[in-house]
Amino acid sequence: MNVLGPLRAFRGGRPLALGPLKQRLVLAVLLTRPNTPVSVEELTDAVWPDDPPRTARKNLQAYVSTLRRVLDPDDLGRLRHGPGGYVLHLTAEECDTLRFEELARRGDAEARAGVPSRAARSYRQALDLWRHDPFSDLAPRADVLRAAVERQHARRLAVYEAWAEAQLDIGDPGPVADTVDEMVSRHPLRERLRAAQLTALHRVGRRTEALAAYDDCRQRLSRELGLEPGAALHGAHRSLLDDMAPSRPRGGPTGSRLLPPDLADFTGRATELDVVAAQLDFEGGPPVLVTGAVGVGKTAFAVHVAHRLAPRFPDGVVATRLCAEDGSARPWASVLAELARSLGCTERLPADREEAATAWRSWLSGRRILLLLDDAPYTAALGPLLPPSGPAAALVTSRGRLPCLDPAHRVELPPLSGEEALDLLGGIIGRTRLTAEHAAALRIARATGHLPFALRAAGNRLSVLRHVSLGQYADRLEHPLEALDELASGGLGVRARLAGAWTRLPAPARDSLQALAALPDVSFTLPAAARALGKDGRGAQRALEELIEVGVLPPPSLPEVTAHTAVAPEVMRYELPWLSLLLAREQAAASGERC
């Protein structure tokens, strides 16, 4: 079935006669959402937009009946009526739009896995399926088809941009430079596309054209939207200007990319990724601090960001942990020496902390370097490491919220959404298994608190225990005394990760957490916390704020209020992360307390 162009259908390589206009419109609307019900009302509006006849429903039934016989006389159930409307069942091999999406998703997975050459090939195969505008012979006749065409063009643009970036990542800008003008003519204000255009022209040596392209986009943005170029386009322009400037002296950075591998199945976080990417690409901005509960995926997120932004930092991208395996802070001199060595800094750094920090910042000055400083134990550990204001940038992760790190752009990672949690779990255990026990999969996701680390542990265990149904496993996870035992597979143990975080907590925070774990509900108010903690309201509030500061307790949720209305502390609701609650109860039981 060919949709990416004039509507065509084939069987055994021979074209099929799809009948009169209204019958083709019915087929086209069904093809806007293959394998998904399309309502009778939507089909009626498409075929008779102004004044449907009284016989419209019967006419539709006749069109559908004819299409069943035309499309597949051996399988009339391919087009069937059910709850919600008519469904046309097709595979990716039978429909070019489905094949396009399959290839695009494959490209996305390969890009996340850090294999840009394979990603570029998959994206290119998807783009090559386009022959013309979708439904080019029918779209002017129905609003639903025009909307579908707009969605397909938006999807094609996103895939083209991903292909262009993959081509640039593998050092082959020529195909991008040769084809990008046609896409720019359709989308002249799309900054991601313009950044790829500018970079491709720059790298093939067409620098005058690259400068002209930037100037054209800058003027259009100003004239039509009243905006200045964003971070990505600005970064591409700066790279071009840097290349046209006199070359740097010897002894400069090596352009190292020393990062942990990216997760091939990294899931979700689209909003946070865009926010952090924009902030890090803004020259002279403060460090970006990523915080969140234990197991929420701070390190994986930061590594994913660093891989994604690596081409924008040609002088080097390196990651280092600021804590040792036992949770103790590494000596600043050791961390700084590791960073300098990784980036090719041959200068001898002084032994004095402040003098070393000054020398380090002087060396970083003017260089496009990204530092990933993972697991910062406290603000002072970052002091000698952070770059100066300029093109170098720092991405920091921490379990605590580091209130003294000022200025900083703060990003709090929440647990995954329900849909994202299921997507991650299904990628590990298999989509078929997840779909077969969807309700049980939802219970598993809830029992892991939608935390990526716990979801991976659960998925890995289920991949081994193929004989255990998802329902049986969900029963185990929902049992408070068994949950942490079940979230362990191979070397991936949630209890060990939580226990490490527990030992790093100050003793008062551990006591407060154990007391709160005795509450009957994970969600509670300040008065309930005061009773559990044995404190007055002010003392309980300070204890809760200490837990927020060290990253154990998320900030409270606020009721909907009008602007300028003060929120009484008593109505704020706090919620303990489920896995932290389980560990606190275990610790309380181990110390002889009842929870």
Protein backbone atom coordinates (compact mmCIF):
# COMPACT_ATOMS: atom_id res chain seq x y z
CA MET A 1 0.00 0.00 0.00
CA ASN A 2 1.63 3.25 -1.09
CA VAL A 3 0.55 6.34 0.84
CA LEU A 4 3.66 8.55 0.56
CA GLY A 5 2.52 9.89 -2.79
CA PRO A 6 -0.63 9.19 -4.80
CA LEU A 7 -2.66 6.42 -3.16
CA ARG A 8 -1.80 3.08 -4.77
CA ALA A 9 -2.41 -0.54 -3.78
CA PHE A 10 -0.86 -3.69 -5.18
CA ARG A 11 -1.36 -7.43 -4.88
CA GLY A 12 1.20 -9.81 -6.29
CA GLY A 13 2.98 -6.83 -7.86
CA ARG A 14 -0.09 -5.82 -9.88
CA PRO A 15 -1.96 -2.54 -9.23
CA LEU A 16 -5.46 -2.77 -7.82
CA ALA A 17 -8.45 -0.80 -9.05
CA LEU A 18 -9.56 1.12 -5.96
CA GLY A 19 -12.85 2.32 -7.38
CA PRO A 20 -14.59 5.68 -7.44
CA LEU A 21 -13.49 8.80 -5.57
CA LYS A 22 -15.60 8.30 -2.44
CA GLN A 23 -14.42 4.71 -2.06
CA ARG A 24 -10.80 5.86 -2.37
CA LEU A 25 -11.47 8.52 0.26
CA VAL A 26 -12.72 5.84 2.66
CA LEU A 27 -9.55 3.83 2.10
CA ALA A 28 -7.35 6.90 2.49
CA VAL A 29 -8.91 7.85 5.83
CA LEU A 30 -8.46 4.27 7.10
CA LEU A 31 -4.82 4.49 6.07
CA THR A 32 -4.26 7.60 8.16
CA ARG A 33 -4.46 5.28 11.20
CA PRO A 34 -3.75 1.68 10.12
CA ASN A 35 -4.45 -0.97 12.77
CA THR A 36 -6.52 1.57 14.73
CA PRO A 37 -10.30 2.02 14.71
CA VAL A 38 -11.67 4.90 12.63
CA SER A 39 -15.19 5.90 13.55
CA VAL A 40 -18.12 5.90 11.15
CA GLU A 41 -18.64 9.59 11.92
CA GLU A 42 -15.07 10.44 10.87
CA LEU A 43 -15.43 8.49 7.62
CA THR A 44 -18.75 10.19 6.93
CA ASP A 45 -17.28 13.67 7.48
CA ALA A 46 -14.43 12.87 5.10
CA VAL A 47 -16.59 11.55 2.29
CA TRP A 48 -19.50 14.01 2.68
CA PRO A 49 -18.04 17.09 4.45
CA ASP A 50 -21.04 19.35 3.91
CA ASP A 51 -24.33 17.48 3.73
CA PRO A 52 -24.20 13.69 4.12
CA PRO A 53 -27.17 11.86 2.57
CA ARG A 54 -29.57 9.80 4.66
CA THR A 55 -28.05 6.71 3.06
CA ALA A 56 -24.49 7.63 4.13
CA ARG A 57 -24.09 4.71 6.54
CA LYS A 58 -25.31 2.18 3.98
CA ASN A 59 -23.08 3.71 1.33
CA LEU A 60 -20.09 3.42 3.65
CA GLN A 61 -20.89 -0.22 4.28
CA ALA A 62 -20.98 -0.80 0.54
CA TYR A 63 -17.63 0.94 0.02
CA VAL A 64 -16.06 -1.09 2.83
CA SER A 65 -17.51 -4.33 1.51
CA THR A 66 -16.06 -3.64 -1.94
CA LEU A 67 -12.67 -2.66 -0.48
CA ARG A 68 -12.52 -5.94 1.47
CA ARG A 69 -12.83 -7.95 -1.73
CA VAL A 70 -10.45 -5.71 -3.68
CA LEU A 71 -7.67 -5.56 -1.08
CA ASP A 72 -7.58 -9.20 -0.03
CA PRO A 73 -10.31 -11.59 -1.22
CA ASP A 74 -8.59 -14.39 0.72
CA ASP A 75 -8.75 -12.52 4.03
CA LEU A 76 -11.91 -10.44 4.32
CA GLY A 77 -11.17 -9.92 8.02
CA ARG A 78 -8.28 -7.66 7.16
CA LEU A 79 -10.81 -4.80 7.10
CA ARG A 80 -13.33 -5.28 9.86
CA HIS A 81 -15.80 -3.40 12.00
CA GLY A 82 -15.51 -3.48 15.77
CA PRO A 83 -15.72 -1.29 18.86
CA GLY A 84 -14.78 2.21 17.84
CA GLY A 85 -15.22 1.80 14.11
CA TYR A 86 -13.52 0.20 11.13
CA VAL A 87 -9.95 -1.14 11.35
CA LEU A 88 -7.65 -1.86 8.40
CA HIS A 89 -5.00 -4.37 9.51
CA LEU A 90 -1.61 -4.00 7.80
CA THR A 91 2.00 -4.89 8.54
CA ALA A 92 5.04 -2.70 7.96
CA GLU A 93 5.85 -4.74 4.85
CA GLU A 94 2.43 -3.92 3.41
CA CYS A 95 2.23 -0.15 4.01
CA ASP A 96 4.93 2.42 3.31
CA THR A 97 3.95 4.71 6.22
CA LEU A 98 4.27 1.82 8.68
CA ARG A 99 7.57 0.83 7.12
CA PHE A 100 8.70 4.46 7.40
CA GLU A 101 7.93 4.47 11.14
CA GLU A 102 9.62 1.12 11.67
CA LEU A 103 12.83 2.31 10.02
CA ALA A 104 12.69 5.64 11.85
CA ARG A 105 12.33 3.91 15.23
CA ARG A 106 15.21 1.60 14.34
CA GLY A 107 17.32 4.64 13.51
CA ASP A 108 16.39 6.24 16.85
CA ALA A 109 17.45 3.09 18.73
CA GLU A 110 20.74 2.90 16.83
CA ALA A 111 21.43 6.57 17.47
CA ARG A 112 20.79 6.08 21.20
CA ALA A 113 23.11 3.06 21.13
CA GLY A 114 25.90 5.27 19.79
CA VAL A 115 26.04 3.69 16.32
CA PRO A 116 25.47 6.72 14.06
CA SER A 117 26.52 4.91 10.86
CA ARG A 118 23.71 2.37 11.24
CA ALA A 119 21.30 5.07 12.38
CA ALA A 120 22.05 7.13 9.28
CA ARG A 121 21.41 4.12 7.05
CA SER A 122 18.04 3.36 8.70
CA TYR A 123 16.93 6.98 8.54
CA ARG A 124 17.97 7.18 4.88
CA GLN A 125 15.97 4.05 4.02
CA ALA A 126 12.93 5.64 5.67
CA LEU A 127 13.33 8.90 3.78
CA ASP A 128 13.76 7.08 0.47
CA LEU A 129 10.20 5.75 0.78
CA TRP A 130 8.84 9.23 0.05
CA ARG A 131 7.77 9.73 -3.57
CA HIS A 132 5.55 12.78 -3.20
CA ASP A 133 3.20 14.43 -0.69
CA PRO A 134 1.07 11.78 1.09
CA PHE A 135 -2.37 11.32 -0.48
CA SER A 136 -1.37 13.90 -3.07
CA ASP A 137 -4.36 13.04 -5.25
CA LEU A 138 -6.95 13.07 -2.43
CA ALA A 139 -5.81 15.37 0.41
CA PRO A 140 -7.45 18.56 -0.96
CA ARG A 141 -10.85 16.89 -0.63
CA ALA A 142 -10.91 16.10 3.12
CA ASP A 143 -9.79 17.95 6.25
CA VAL A 144 -8.77 14.71 7.97
CA LEU A 145 -6.42 13.90 5.10
CA ARG A 146 -4.92 17.38 5.08
CA ALA A 147 -4.23 17.05 8.82
CA ALA A 148 -2.64 13.64 8.22
CA VAL A 149 -0.41 15.10 5.50
CA GLU A 150 0.77 17.82 7.90
CA ARG A 151 1.63 15.20 10.52
CA GLN A 152 3.54 13.14 7.99
CA HIS A 153 5.52 16.18 6.83
CA ALA A 154 6.40 17.01 10.43
CA ARG A 155 7.54 13.43 10.97
CA ARG A 156 9.57 13.44 7.78
CA LEU A 157 11.27 16.66 8.89
CA ALA A 158 12.22 15.16 12.27
CA VAL A 159 13.63 12.04 10.60
CA TYR A 160 15.55 14.12 8.08
CA GLU A 161 17.08 16.16 10.90
CA ALA A 162 18.04 12.98 12.76
CA TRP A 163 19.58 11.59 9.55
CA ALA A 164 21.50 14.81 8.95
CA GLU A 165 22.89 14.79 12.50
CA ALA A 166 23.90 11.12 12.18
CA GLN A 167 25.66 11.90 8.89
CA LEU A 168 27.54 14.72 10.57
CA ASP A 169 28.44 12.45 13.50
CA ILE A 170 30.10 9.93 11.15
CA GLY A 171 32.00 12.66 9.35
CA ASP A 172 30.09 12.52 6.05
CA PRO A 173 28.50 15.96 5.62
CA GLY A 174 28.36 15.86 1.80
CA PRO A 175 24.92 14.22 1.41
CA VAL A 176 23.47 16.70 3.90
CA ALA A 177 24.96 19.71 2.13
CA ASP A 178 23.60 18.39 -1.19
CA THR A 179 20.01 17.81 -0.02
CA VAL A 180 19.29 20.21 2.82
CA ASP A 181 18.22 23.17 0.66
CA GLU A 182 14.97 21.46 -0.38
CA MET A 183 14.00 20.87 3.26
CA VAL A 184 15.01 24.41 4.25
CA SER A 185 12.80 25.84 1.52
CA ARG A 186 9.83 24.12 3.19
CA HIS A 187 10.87 24.90 6.78
CA PRO A 188 13.03 28.06 6.74
CA LEU A 189 12.49 28.84 10.46
CA ARG A 190 13.30 25.36 11.78
CA GLU A 191 16.45 25.97 13.83
CA ARG A 192 17.49 22.33 14.26
CA LEU A 193 17.41 21.95 10.47
CA ARG A 194 19.25 25.22 9.96
CA ALA A 195 21.95 24.14 12.42
CA ALA A 196 22.49 20.95 10.41
CA GLN A 197 22.59 23.00 7.18
CA LEU A 198 25.14 25.40 8.62
CA THR A 199 27.34 22.61 9.99
CA ALA A 200 27.22 20.58 6.77
CA LEU A 201 28.11 23.55 4.56
CA HIS A 202 30.89 24.47 6.97
CA ARG A 203 32.41 20.98 6.93
CA VAL A 204 32.38 20.60 3.14
CA GLY A 205 34.24 23.88 2.83
CA ARG A 206 31.32 26.05 1.65
CA ARG A 207 31.86 28.53 4.44
CA THR A 208 30.54 31.58 2.58
CA GLU A 209 27.27 29.77 1.94
CA ALA A 210 27.17 28.69 5.59
CA LEU A 211 27.51 32.29 6.75
CA ALA A 212 24.80 33.36 4.30
CA ALA A 213 22.49 30.59 5.55
CA TYR A 214 22.95 31.71 9.15
CA ASP A 215 22.33 35.35 8.27
CA ASP A 216 19.19 34.42 6.32
CA CYS A 217 17.78 32.42 9.23
CA ARG A 218 18.70 35.10 11.79
CA GLN A 219 16.93 37.79 9.77
CA ARG A 220 13.83 35.65 9.22
CA LEU A 221 13.59 34.81 12.93
CA SER A 222 13.89 38.47 13.83
CA ARG A 223 11.49 39.72 11.15
CA GLU A 224 8.78 37.07 11.42
CA LEU A 225 8.96 35.96 15.05
CA GLY A 226 10.92 38.65 16.86
CA LEU A 227 13.44 36.04 18.07
CA GLU A 228 17.18 35.57 18.10
CA PRO A 229 18.78 32.25 17.04
CA GLY A 230 18.62 29.56 19.72
CA ALA A 231 21.42 27.59 21.34
CA ALA A 232 21.89 24.92 18.64
CA LEU A 233 22.08 27.38 15.75
CA HIS A 234 24.21 29.76 17.76
CA GLY A 235 26.61 26.92 18.55
CA ALA A 236 26.93 25.92 14.91
CA HIS A 237 27.64 29.53 13.99
CA ARG A 238 30.25 29.85 16.73
CA SER A 239 32.00 26.67 15.52
CA LEU A 240 32.16 28.16 12.03
CA LEU A 241 33.61 31.43 13.31
CA ASP A 242 36.11 29.57 15.50
CA ASP A 243 37.27 27.57 12.48
CA MET A 244 37.74 30.74 10.46
CA ALA A 245 39.80 32.32 13.26
CA PRO A 246 43.58 31.74 13.58
CA SER A 247 44.41 28.22 14.75
CA ARG A 248 45.09 27.48 18.39
CA PRO A 249 48.62 26.95 19.68
CA ARG A 250 50.05 23.52 20.28
CA GLY A 251 49.30 21.88 23.59
CA GLY A 252 45.58 22.47 23.24
CA PRO A 253 42.81 20.02 24.03
CA THR A 254 42.71 16.61 22.40
CA GLY A 255 39.02 16.48 21.58
CA SER A 256 38.70 13.39 23.82
CA ARG A 257 35.32 11.76 24.25
CA LEU A 258 35.64 9.73 27.46
CA LEU A 259 32.13 8.76 28.46
CA PRO A 260 30.43 5.63 29.74
CA PRO A 261 28.41 3.91 26.99
CA ASP A 262 24.97 5.32 26.34
CA LEU A 263 21.97 3.10 27.07
CA ALA A 264 20.60 1.62 23.86
CA ASP A 265 17.07 1.64 25.33
CA PHE A 266 17.17 5.02 27.06
CA THR A 267 13.52 5.93 27.55
CA GLY A 268 11.55 9.15 27.99
CA ARG A 269 12.83 12.44 29.43
CA ALA A 270 12.17 14.37 26.20
CA THR A 271 11.32 17.62 28.00
CA GLU A 272 14.26 17.44 30.40
CA LEU A 273 16.64 16.55 27.56
CA ASP A 274 15.62 19.59 25.55
CA VAL A 275 15.91 21.88 28.58
CA VAL A 276 19.37 20.65 29.55
CA ALA A 277 20.65 20.60 25.96
CA ALA A 278 19.56 24.19 25.42
CA GLN A 279 21.09 25.32 28.69
CA LEU A 280 24.44 23.63 28.08
CA ASP A 281 24.65 25.00 24.58
CA PHE A 282 24.16 28.55 25.84
CA GLU A 283 27.66 29.95 26.11
CA GLY A 284 28.53 31.41 29.48
CA GLY A 285 25.63 29.75 31.31
CA PRO A 286 25.90 28.34 34.84
CA PRO A 287 26.46 24.64 35.54
CA VAL A 288 23.44 22.39 35.11
CA LEU A 289 22.60 20.36 38.20
CA VAL A 290 20.52 17.17 37.78
CA THR A 291 18.94 15.82 40.96
CA GLY A 292 16.34 13.21 41.82
CA ALA A 293 15.58 10.16 43.93
CA VAL A 294 17.92 7.18 44.13
CA GLY A 295 17.36 5.00 41.06
CA VAL A 296 15.66 7.72 39.01
CA GLY A 297 18.43 7.53 36.42
CA LYS A 298 20.48 10.71 36.97
CA THR A 299 23.75 9.26 35.70
CA ALA A 300 22.13 7.54 32.71
CA PHE A 301 20.36 10.79 31.83
CA ALA A 302 23.55 12.84 32.09
CA VAL A 303 25.53 10.34 30.00
CA HIS A 304 22.78 10.36 27.37
CA VAL A 305 22.88 14.17 27.25
CA ALA A 306 26.67 14.16 26.96
CA HIS A 307 26.62 11.71 24.03
CA ARG A 308 23.91 13.74 22.35
CA LEU A 309 25.82 17.03 22.73
CA ALA A 310 29.33 15.70 22.09
CA PRO A 311 29.55 17.11 18.51
CA ARG A 312 28.92 20.59 19.92
CA PHE A 313 31.98 20.35 22.17
CA PRO A 314 34.80 19.55 19.75
CA ASP A 315 37.54 20.21 22.30
CA GLY A 316 36.49 17.34 24.53
CA VAL A 317 33.72 15.65 26.51
CA VAL A 318 34.75 13.76 29.63
CA ALA A 319 32.97 12.23 32.60
CA THR A 320 34.28 11.51 36.08
CA ARG A 321 32.74 10.35 39.36
CA LEU A 322 33.28 12.53 42.40
CA CYS A 323 32.63 9.69 44.87
CA ALA A 324 34.45 6.40 45.34
CA GLU A 325 32.65 3.05 45.34
CA ASP A 326 32.21 3.20 49.13
CA GLY A 327 30.43 6.55 48.82
CA SER A 328 33.27 8.67 50.16
CA ALA A 329 34.25 11.85 48.33
CA ARG A 330 37.32 11.51 46.10
CA PRO A 331 40.18 13.97 46.78
CA TRP A 332 39.84 17.07 44.60
CA ALA A 333 43.45 16.82 43.44
CA SER A 334 42.89 13.28 42.13
CA VAL A 335 39.74 14.27 40.22
CA LEU A 336 41.34 17.39 38.75
CA ALA A 337 44.43 15.46 37.64
CA GLU A 338 42.21 12.86 35.95
CA LEU A 339 40.26 15.54 34.06
CA ALA A 340 43.40 17.38 32.98
CA ARG A 341 45.05 14.18 31.77
CA SER A 342 41.93 13.12 29.84
CA LEU A 343 41.72 16.45 28.03
CA GLY A 344 45.39 16.72 27.14
CA CYS A 345 46.24 19.51 29.56
CA THR A 346 50.02 19.24 30.01
CA GLU A 347 50.33 22.15 32.43
CA ARG A 348 51.54 21.33 35.92
CA LEU A 349 48.72 22.23 38.28
CA PRO A 350 49.72 23.71 41.67
CA ALA A 351 49.21 21.72 44.86
CA ASP A 352 47.30 24.57 46.48
CA ARG A 353 43.55 24.17 45.91
CA GLU A 354 42.78 27.77 44.97
CA GLU A 355 45.87 28.15 42.78
CA ALA A 356 45.08 24.87 41.01
CA ALA A 357 41.50 26.00 40.39
CA THR A 358 42.74 29.27 38.88
CA ALA A 359 45.22 27.49 36.59
CA TRP A 360 42.56 24.95 35.53
CA ARG A 361 40.01 27.64 34.67
CA SER A 362 42.64 29.57 32.75
CA TRP A 363 43.39 26.49 30.66
CA LEU A 364 39.67 25.83 30.04
CA SER A 365 39.01 29.44 29.03
CA GLY A 366 37.95 29.75 25.38
CA ARG A 367 37.65 26.00 24.83
CA ARG A 368 34.44 24.16 23.99
CA ILE A 369 34.64 21.38 26.57
CA LEU A 370 31.84 19.58 28.41
CA LEU A 371 32.58 18.21 31.89
CA LEU A 372 30.22 15.59 33.31
CA LEU A 373 30.76 15.64 37.07
CA ASP A 374 28.80 12.68 38.39
CA ASP A 375 27.58 12.05 41.94
CA ALA A 376 28.72 15.26 43.60
CA PRO A 377 28.60 14.66 47.39
CA TYR A 378 28.48 18.35 48.35
CA THR A 379 29.02 21.76 46.79
CA ALA A 380 32.62 22.21 47.97
CA ALA A 381 33.70 19.15 45.98
CA LEU A 382 32.87 21.03 42.78
CA GLY A 383 34.73 24.22 43.65
CA PRO A 384 38.08 23.66 41.90
CA LEU A 385 36.54 21.77 38.95
CA LEU A 386 33.88 24.07 37.48
CA PRO A 387 34.81 25.92 34.29
CA PRO A 388 34.82 29.71 33.97
CA SER A 389 32.16 31.65 32.13
CA GLY A 390 32.69 30.93 28.44
CA PRO A 391 32.27 28.09 25.95
CA ALA A 392 33.15 25.32 28.43
CA ALA A 393 30.19 23.80 30.28
CA ALA A 394 29.53 21.56 33.27
CA LEU A 395 26.79 18.98 33.82
CA VAL A 396 26.56 17.86 37.45
CA THR A 397 24.54 15.07 39.06
CA SER A 398 23.93 14.76 42.77
CA ARG A 399 21.67 12.88 45.15
CA GLY A 400 21.37 16.02 47.27
CA ARG A 401 20.11 19.36 46.00
CA LEU A 402 23.35 21.28 46.77
CA PRO A 403 21.65 24.48 47.93
CA CYS A 404 24.98 26.34 48.06
CA LEU A 405 25.68 25.76 44.35
CA ASP A 406 24.77 29.20 43.12
CA PRO A 407 24.32 30.03 40.33
CA ALA A 408 23.14 26.75 38.84
CA HIS A 409 20.38 25.69 36.48
CA ARG A 410 18.51 22.97 38.36
CA VAL A 411 16.67 20.06 36.79
CA GLU A 412 14.77 17.64 39.01
CA LEU A 413 14.27 14.24 37.37
CA PRO A 414 10.89 12.76 38.32
CA PRO A 415 10.07 9.06 38.02
CA LEU A 416 9.06 7.94 34.54
CA SER A 417 5.47 8.39 33.46
CA GLY A 418 3.30 5.28 33.39
CA GLU A 419 3.61 5.04 29.62
CA GLU A 420 7.40 5.46 29.71
CA ALA A 421 7.73 2.86 32.46
CA LEU A 422 5.79 0.32 30.39
CA ASP A 423 7.85 1.18 27.32
CA LEU A 424 11.10 0.51 29.20
CA LEU A 425 9.79 -2.71 30.75
CA GLY A 426 8.44 -3.95 27.42
CA GLY A 427 11.77 -3.33 25.74
CA ILE A 428 13.42 -5.69 28.24
CA ILE A 429 10.88 -8.49 28.58
CA GLY A 430 9.33 -8.26 25.10
CA ARG A 431 6.32 -6.33 23.84
CA THR A 432 4.25 -9.47 23.27
CA ARG A 433 4.66 -10.63 26.88
CA LEU A 434 3.83 -7.19 28.22
CA THR A 435 0.74 -6.81 26.02
CA ALA A 436 -0.54 -10.24 27.04
CA GLU A 437 -0.54 -9.20 30.73
CA HIS A 438 -0.95 -5.46 30.48
CA ALA A 439 -2.73 -5.03 33.83
CA ALA A 440 -0.01 -6.97 35.66
CA ALA A 441 2.68 -4.91 33.89
CA LEU A 442 1.02 -1.77 35.25
CA ARG A 443 1.21 -3.23 38.76
CA ILE A 444 4.92 -3.99 38.31
CA ALA A 445 5.58 -0.46 37.11
CA ARG A 446 3.76 0.97 40.15
CA ALA A 447 5.58 -1.38 42.54
CA THR A 448 8.94 -0.12 41.26
CA GLY A 449 7.87 3.49 41.75
CA HIS A 450 8.37 4.02 37.97
CA LEU A 451 12.12 4.27 38.71
CA PRO A 452 14.31 3.21 35.76
CA PHE A 453 16.88 1.37 37.90
CA ALA A 454 14.20 -0.71 39.61
CA LEU A 455 12.36 -1.32 36.34
CA ARG A 456 15.55 -2.65 34.77
CA ALA A 457 16.12 -4.95 37.73
CA ALA A 458 12.55 -6.23 37.45
CA GLY A 459 12.83 -6.65 33.67
CA ASN A 460 16.12 -8.52 33.91
CA ARG A 461 14.71 -10.86 36.54
CA LEU A 462 11.61 -11.55 34.46
CA SER A 463 13.79 -12.22 31.41
CA VAL A 464 15.42 -15.04 33.38
CA LEU A 465 12.22 -16.29 35.06
CA ARG A 466 10.31 -16.94 31.86
CA HIS A 467 8.07 -19.42 33.66
CA VAL A 468 6.80 -16.77 36.09
CA SER A 469 3.79 -14.81 34.89
CA LEU A 470 3.75 -11.05 35.25
CA GLY A 471 0.81 -11.38 37.62
CA GLN A 472 2.75 -13.71 39.93
CA TYR A 473 5.75 -11.41 39.88
CA ALA A 474 3.56 -8.37 40.60
CA ASP A 475 2.17 -10.22 43.65
CA ARG A 476 5.71 -10.67 44.94
CA LEU A 477 6.66 -7.03 44.39
CA GLU A 478 3.55 -5.81 46.19
CA HIS A 479 4.52 -7.77 49.30
CA PRO A 480 6.56 -5.34 51.47
CA LEU A 481 8.82 -8.05 52.87
CA GLU A 482 9.68 -9.55 49.48
CA ALA A 483 9.89 -6.58 47.12
CA LEU A 484 13.59 -5.77 47.49
CA ASP A 485 14.51 -9.48 47.27
CA GLU A 486 12.70 -9.64 43.94
CA LEU A 487 14.43 -6.55 42.54
CA ALA A 488 17.78 -8.25 42.08
CA SER A 489 19.18 -10.03 39.05
CA GLY A 490 22.83 -10.69 38.38
CA GLY A 491 24.79 -7.68 39.60
CA LEU A 492 21.80 -5.36 39.41
CA GLY A 493 20.44 -5.13 42.95
CA VAL A 494 18.15 -2.35 44.13
CA ARG A 495 18.74 -3.10 47.81
CA ALA A 496 22.49 -2.61 47.42
CA ARG A 497 21.97 0.72 45.63
CA LEU A 498 19.54 1.91 48.28
CA ALA A 499 21.76 0.70 51.10
CA GLY A 500 24.65 2.72 49.71
CA ALA A 501 22.49 5.81 49.68
CA TRP A 502 21.30 5.02 53.21
CA THR A 503 24.83 4.92 54.64
CA ARG A 504 25.57 8.35 53.15
CA LEU A 505 22.62 9.95 54.92
CA PRO A 506 23.27 11.96 58.07
CA ALA A 507 22.10 10.13 61.18
CA PRO A 508 19.22 12.60 61.85
CA ALA A 509 17.94 12.06 58.31
CA ARG A 510 18.00 8.28 58.77
CA ASP A 511 16.07 8.60 62.03
CA SER A 512 13.48 10.85 60.41
CA LEU A 513 13.08 8.51 57.47
CA GLN A 514 12.56 5.50 59.72
CA ALA A 515 9.95 7.40 61.71
CA LEU A 516 8.07 8.45 58.57
CA ALA A 517 8.17 4.86 57.29
CA ALA A 518 5.84 3.96 60.18
CA LEU A 519 3.07 6.07 58.66
CA PRO A 520 0.29 3.98 57.08
CA ASP A 521 0.49 5.86 53.75
CA VAL A 522 3.38 7.03 51.60
CA SER A 523 1.57 10.35 51.17
CA PHE A 524 1.22 12.54 54.25
CA THR A 525 0.81 16.09 55.54
CA LEU A 526 2.95 18.09 57.93
CA PRO A 527 0.72 17.37 60.96
CA ALA A 528 0.94 13.63 60.28
CA ALA A 529 4.72 13.89 59.95
CA ALA A 530 4.92 15.84 63.23
CA ARG A 531 3.09 13.06 65.06
CA ALA A 532 5.36 10.39 63.54
CA LEU A 533 8.51 12.37 64.31
CA GLY A 534 7.42 13.37 67.79
CA LYS A 535 8.09 17.05 67.05
CA ASP A 536 6.09 20.24 66.96
CA GLY A 537 5.10 21.71 63.60
CA ARG A 538 8.23 23.86 63.24
CA GLY A 539 10.58 21.04 64.17
CA ALA A 540 8.83 18.61 61.82
CA GLN A 541 9.04 21.12 58.99
CA ARG A 542 12.80 21.50 59.51
CA ALA A 543 13.22 17.70 59.53
CA LEU A 544 11.29 17.35 56.27
CA GLU A 545 13.29 20.14 54.65
CA GLU A 546 16.51 18.37 55.66
CA LEU A 547 15.26 15.22 53.90
CA ILE A 548 14.44 17.29 50.81
CA GLU A 549 17.90 18.86 50.86
CA VAL A 550 19.71 15.48 50.95
CA GLY A 551 17.51 14.15 48.13
CA VAL A 552 15.49 11.55 50.04
CA LEU A 553 12.15 13.35 49.92
CA PRO A 554 10.77 15.20 46.89
CA PRO A 555 9.46 18.73 47.48
CA PRO A 556 5.81 18.74 48.57
CA SER A 557 2.99 18.98 46.08
CA LEU A 558 0.91 22.12 46.38
CA PRO A 559 -2.84 22.45 46.02
CA GLU A 560 -4.13 24.60 43.21
CA VAL A 561 -4.25 28.17 44.52
CA THR A 562 -4.74 31.57 43.03
CA ALA A 563 -1.80 33.86 42.36
CA HIS A 564 -0.32 35.68 45.40
CA THR A 565 -2.10 33.35 47.82
CA ALA A 566 0.08 31.97 50.59
CA VAL A 567 0.02 28.20 51.04
CA ALA A 568 -0.26 27.03 54.62
CA PRO A 569 2.37 24.36 55.43
CA GLU A 570 -0.34 22.16 56.92
CA VAL A 571 -2.04 21.59 53.53
CA MET A 572 1.10 20.64 51.62
CA ARG A 573 1.39 16.92 50.83
CA TYR A 574 4.67 15.02 50.96
CA GLU A 575 5.27 11.60 49.46
CA LEU A 576 8.02 9.13 50.28
CA PRO A 577 9.47 7.29 47.27
CA TRP A 578 8.18 3.73 47.48
CA LEU A 579 11.55 1.97 47.38
CA SER A 580 13.07 4.29 49.98
CA LEU A 581 10.07 3.54 52.16
CA LEU A 582 10.66 -0.21 51.85
CA LEU A 583 14.32 0.11 52.80
CA ALA A 584 13.51 2.39 55.74
CA ARG A 585 11.06 -0.20 57.05
CA GLU A 586 13.68 -2.92 56.66
CA GLN A 587 16.24 -0.82 58.52
CA ALA A 588 13.74 -0.09 61.27
CA ALA A 589 12.95 -3.81 61.61
CA ALA A 590 16.63 -4.65 61.71
CA SER A 591 17.17 -2.17 64.56
CA GLY A 592 14.34 -3.77 66.54
CA GLU A 593 11.75 -1.07 65.91
CA ARG A 594 8.22 -1.81 64.81
CA CYS A 595 6.88 -0.17 61.62
